[in-house]
Amino acid sequence: MESEHPTPQYSDIIPEEFDDPNHHAALAFNYFSEAYEAFFTGSDIFEDQQHKIEERYGVFHGPCAPNV
């Protein structure tokens, strides 16, 4: 996208460190939409989606993260 605005459709441009609520919303939308797709294929464990977030930002403690 030319505007480089962090929309839910293009979250790859979000920097590693940010505090913009739009960045948080774009990443959350991306995570939950992928988890939703996995759920409809019969999965109720979202390790792939969690791994993508952890790979990019470190340990993820979101609503679907396992208790460690």
N, C-alpha and C. Protein backbone atom coordinates (compact mmCIF):
# COMPACT_ATOMS: atom_id res chain seq x y z
N MET A 1 0.84 -1.17 0.00
CA MET A 1 0.00 0.00 0.00
C MET A 1 0.89 1.24 0.00
N GLU A 2 0.51 2.21 -0.75
CA GLU A 2 1.31 3.41 -0.86
C GLU A 2 1.25 4.29 0.38
N SER A 3 0.13 4.28 1.08
CA SER A 3 -0.02 5.16 2.24
C SER A 3 0.80 4.68 3.44
N GLU A 4 1.18 3.42 3.45
CA GLU A 4 1.89 2.81 4.57
C GLU A 4 1.13 2.97 5.89
N HIS A 5 -0.18 2.96 5.80
CA HIS A 5 -1.04 3.04 6.97
C HIS A 5 -1.29 1.63 7.48
N PRO A 6 -1.13 1.38 8.79
CA PRO A 6 -1.28 0.01 9.31
C PRO A 6 -2.73 -0.45 9.37
N THR A 7 -3.25 -0.83 8.25
CA THR A 7 -4.62 -1.32 8.22
C THR A 7 -4.61 -2.81 8.55
N PRO A 8 -5.73 -3.35 8.93
CA PRO A 8 -5.80 -4.78 9.21
C PRO A 8 -5.41 -5.65 8.00
N GLN A 9 -5.52 -5.09 6.81
CA GLN A 9 -5.19 -5.87 5.63
C GLN A 9 -3.68 -5.95 5.37
N TYR A 10 -2.89 -5.09 5.99
CA TYR A 10 -1.45 -5.05 5.69
C TYR A 10 -0.68 -4.73 6.95
N SER A 11 -0.51 -5.72 7.81
CA SER A 11 0.17 -5.50 9.09
C SER A 11 1.67 -5.71 9.01
N ASP A 12 2.20 -6.09 7.86
CA ASP A 12 3.62 -6.34 7.73
C ASP A 12 4.49 -5.08 7.88
N ILE A 13 3.91 -3.91 7.74
CA ILE A 13 4.69 -2.68 7.82
C ILE A 13 4.81 -2.15 9.25
N ILE A 14 4.24 -2.83 10.21
CA ILE A 14 4.29 -2.37 11.60
C ILE A 14 5.69 -2.61 12.14
N PRO A 15 6.30 -1.59 12.76
CA PRO A 15 7.67 -1.74 13.27
C PRO A 15 7.72 -2.66 14.49
N GLU A 16 8.93 -3.05 14.88
CA GLU A 16 9.10 -3.94 16.03
C GLU A 16 8.65 -3.27 17.32
N GLU A 17 8.94 -1.99 17.48
CA GLU A 17 8.53 -1.26 18.67
C GLU A 17 7.54 -0.17 18.25
N PHE A 18 6.41 -0.13 18.95
CA PHE A 18 5.38 0.85 18.61
C PHE A 18 4.48 1.07 19.81
N ASP A 19 3.76 2.17 19.79
CA ASP A 19 2.77 2.43 20.84
C ASP A 19 1.46 2.98 20.25
N ASP A 20 1.35 2.92 18.96
CA ASP A 20 0.15 3.41 18.27
C ASP A 20 -0.97 2.38 18.42
N PRO A 21 -2.14 2.78 18.91
CA PRO A 21 -3.26 1.85 19.05
C PRO A 21 -3.67 1.19 17.72
N ASN A 22 -3.46 1.90 16.61
CA ASN A 22 -3.78 1.31 15.30
C ASN A 22 -2.87 0.12 14.99
N HIS A 23 -1.61 0.21 15.42
CA HIS A 23 -0.70 -0.92 15.22
C HIS A 23 -1.16 -2.13 16.03
N HIS A 24 -1.55 -1.89 17.28
CA HIS A 24 -2.05 -2.98 18.12
C HIS A 24 -3.29 -3.61 17.49
N ALA A 25 -4.18 -2.78 17.01
CA ALA A 25 -5.43 -3.27 16.41
C ALA A 25 -5.15 -4.08 15.15
N ALA A 26 -4.22 -3.62 14.33
CA ALA A 26 -3.90 -4.34 13.09
C ALA A 26 -3.32 -5.71 13.39
N LEU A 27 -2.40 -5.78 14.36
CA LEU A 27 -1.81 -7.08 14.73
C LEU A 27 -2.85 -8.01 15.35
N ALA A 28 -3.69 -7.47 16.21
CA ALA A 28 -4.73 -8.29 16.83
C ALA A 28 -5.70 -8.81 15.79
N PHE A 29 -6.10 -7.95 14.86
CA PHE A 29 -7.01 -8.37 13.80
C PHE A 29 -6.40 -9.50 12.98
N ASN A 30 -5.14 -9.34 12.62
CA ASN A 30 -4.45 -10.35 11.84
C ASN A 30 -4.37 -11.67 12.59
N TYR A 31 -3.97 -11.62 13.87
CA TYR A 31 -3.87 -12.82 14.70
C TYR A 31 -5.22 -13.53 14.80
N PHE A 32 -6.26 -12.79 15.17
CA PHE A 32 -7.56 -13.42 15.38
C PHE A 32 -8.21 -13.90 14.09
N SER A 33 -7.97 -13.22 12.98
CA SER A 33 -8.56 -13.70 11.73
C SER A 33 -7.90 -15.01 11.30
N GLU A 34 -6.57 -15.14 11.51
CA GLU A 34 -5.91 -16.40 11.19
C GLU A 34 -6.33 -17.51 12.16
N ALA A 35 -6.49 -17.17 13.43
CA ALA A 35 -6.95 -18.16 14.41
C ALA A 35 -8.38 -18.60 14.10
N TYR A 36 -9.21 -17.69 13.66
CA TYR A 36 -10.59 -18.00 13.30
C TYR A 36 -10.63 -18.99 12.13
N GLU A 37 -9.77 -18.77 11.13
CA GLU A 37 -9.68 -19.70 10.01
C GLU A 37 -9.26 -21.08 10.49
N ALA A 38 -8.27 -21.13 11.38
CA ALA A 38 -7.80 -22.41 11.92
C ALA A 38 -8.92 -23.11 12.69
N PHE A 39 -9.70 -22.35 13.44
CA PHE A 39 -10.82 -22.91 14.20
C PHE A 39 -11.82 -23.58 13.28
N PHE A 40 -12.11 -22.96 12.14
CA PHE A 40 -13.08 -23.54 11.22
C PHE A 40 -12.55 -24.75 10.47
N THR A 41 -11.24 -24.97 10.52
CA THR A 41 -10.69 -26.19 9.93
C THR A 41 -10.61 -27.31 10.97
N GLY A 42 -11.09 -27.04 12.18
CA GLY A 42 -11.15 -28.07 13.21
C GLY A 42 -10.11 -27.96 14.30
N SER A 43 -9.30 -26.93 14.29
CA SER A 43 -8.25 -26.77 15.30
C SER A 43 -8.75 -25.87 16.42
N ASP A 44 -8.37 -26.21 17.65
CA ASP A 44 -8.66 -25.30 18.75
C ASP A 44 -7.37 -24.94 19.49
N ILE A 45 -6.25 -25.23 18.85
CA ILE A 45 -4.94 -24.82 19.36
C ILE A 45 -4.31 -23.94 18.28
N PHE A 46 -3.91 -22.75 18.64
CA PHE A 46 -3.47 -21.76 17.66
C PHE A 46 -1.97 -21.51 17.76
N GLU A 47 -1.21 -22.60 17.73
CA GLU A 47 0.24 -22.51 17.86
C GLU A 47 0.90 -21.78 16.70
N ASP A 48 0.42 -22.00 15.49
CA ASP A 48 1.02 -21.33 14.33
C ASP A 48 0.87 -19.82 14.43
N GLN A 49 -0.32 -19.37 14.81
CA GLN A 49 -0.56 -17.93 14.93
C GLN A 49 0.28 -17.35 16.07
N GLN A 50 0.35 -18.07 17.17
CA GLN A 50 1.14 -17.62 18.31
C GLN A 50 2.62 -17.56 17.94
N HIS A 51 3.09 -18.56 17.20
CA HIS A 51 4.49 -18.61 16.81
C HIS A 51 4.85 -17.42 15.93
N LYS A 52 3.96 -17.01 15.03
CA LYS A 52 4.23 -15.85 14.18
C LYS A 52 4.44 -14.58 15.00
N ILE A 53 3.60 -14.39 16.02
CA ILE A 53 3.74 -13.22 16.88
C ILE A 53 5.03 -13.31 17.70
N GLU A 54 5.30 -14.48 18.27
CA GLU A 54 6.51 -14.65 19.07
C GLU A 54 7.77 -14.49 18.24
N GLU A 55 7.73 -14.97 17.02
CA GLU A 55 8.88 -14.86 16.13
C GLU A 55 9.19 -13.39 15.83
N ARG A 56 8.16 -12.60 15.73
CA ARG A 56 8.33 -11.19 15.39
C ARG A 56 8.58 -10.31 16.61
N TYR A 57 7.90 -10.60 17.74
CA TYR A 57 7.95 -9.69 18.89
C TYR A 57 8.40 -10.31 20.21
N GLY A 58 8.66 -11.59 20.24
CA GLY A 58 9.04 -12.23 21.50
C GLY A 58 7.86 -12.99 22.09
N VAL A 59 7.90 -13.24 23.37
CA VAL A 59 6.88 -14.05 24.04
C VAL A 59 5.53 -13.35 23.97
N PHE A 60 4.51 -14.13 23.66
CA PHE A 60 3.15 -13.61 23.49
C PHE A 60 2.29 -14.07 24.65
N HIS A 61 1.66 -13.14 25.34
CA HIS A 61 0.78 -13.46 26.47
C HIS A 61 -0.63 -12.98 26.17
N GLY A 62 -1.17 -13.42 25.05
CA GLY A 62 -2.50 -13.01 24.65
C GLY A 62 -3.56 -13.93 25.20
N PRO A 63 -4.81 -13.71 24.83
CA PRO A 63 -5.93 -14.48 25.38
C PRO A 63 -5.88 -15.96 25.00
N CYS A 64 -5.19 -16.31 23.94
CA CYS A 64 -5.13 -17.71 23.52
C CYS A 64 -3.80 -18.35 23.88
N ALA A 65 -2.93 -17.62 24.55
CA ALA A 65 -1.62 -18.16 24.91
C ALA A 65 -1.73 -19.17 26.03
N PRO A 66 -0.94 -20.23 25.96
CA PRO A 66 -0.99 -21.21 27.07
C PRO A 66 -0.38 -20.63 28.34
N ASN A 67 -0.82 -21.11 29.46
CA ASN A 67 -0.27 -20.65 30.74
C ASN A 67 1.09 -21.30 30.96
N VAL A 68 2.12 -20.49 31.00
CA VAL A 68 3.48 -21.03 31.24
C VAL A 68 4.11 -20.32 32.41
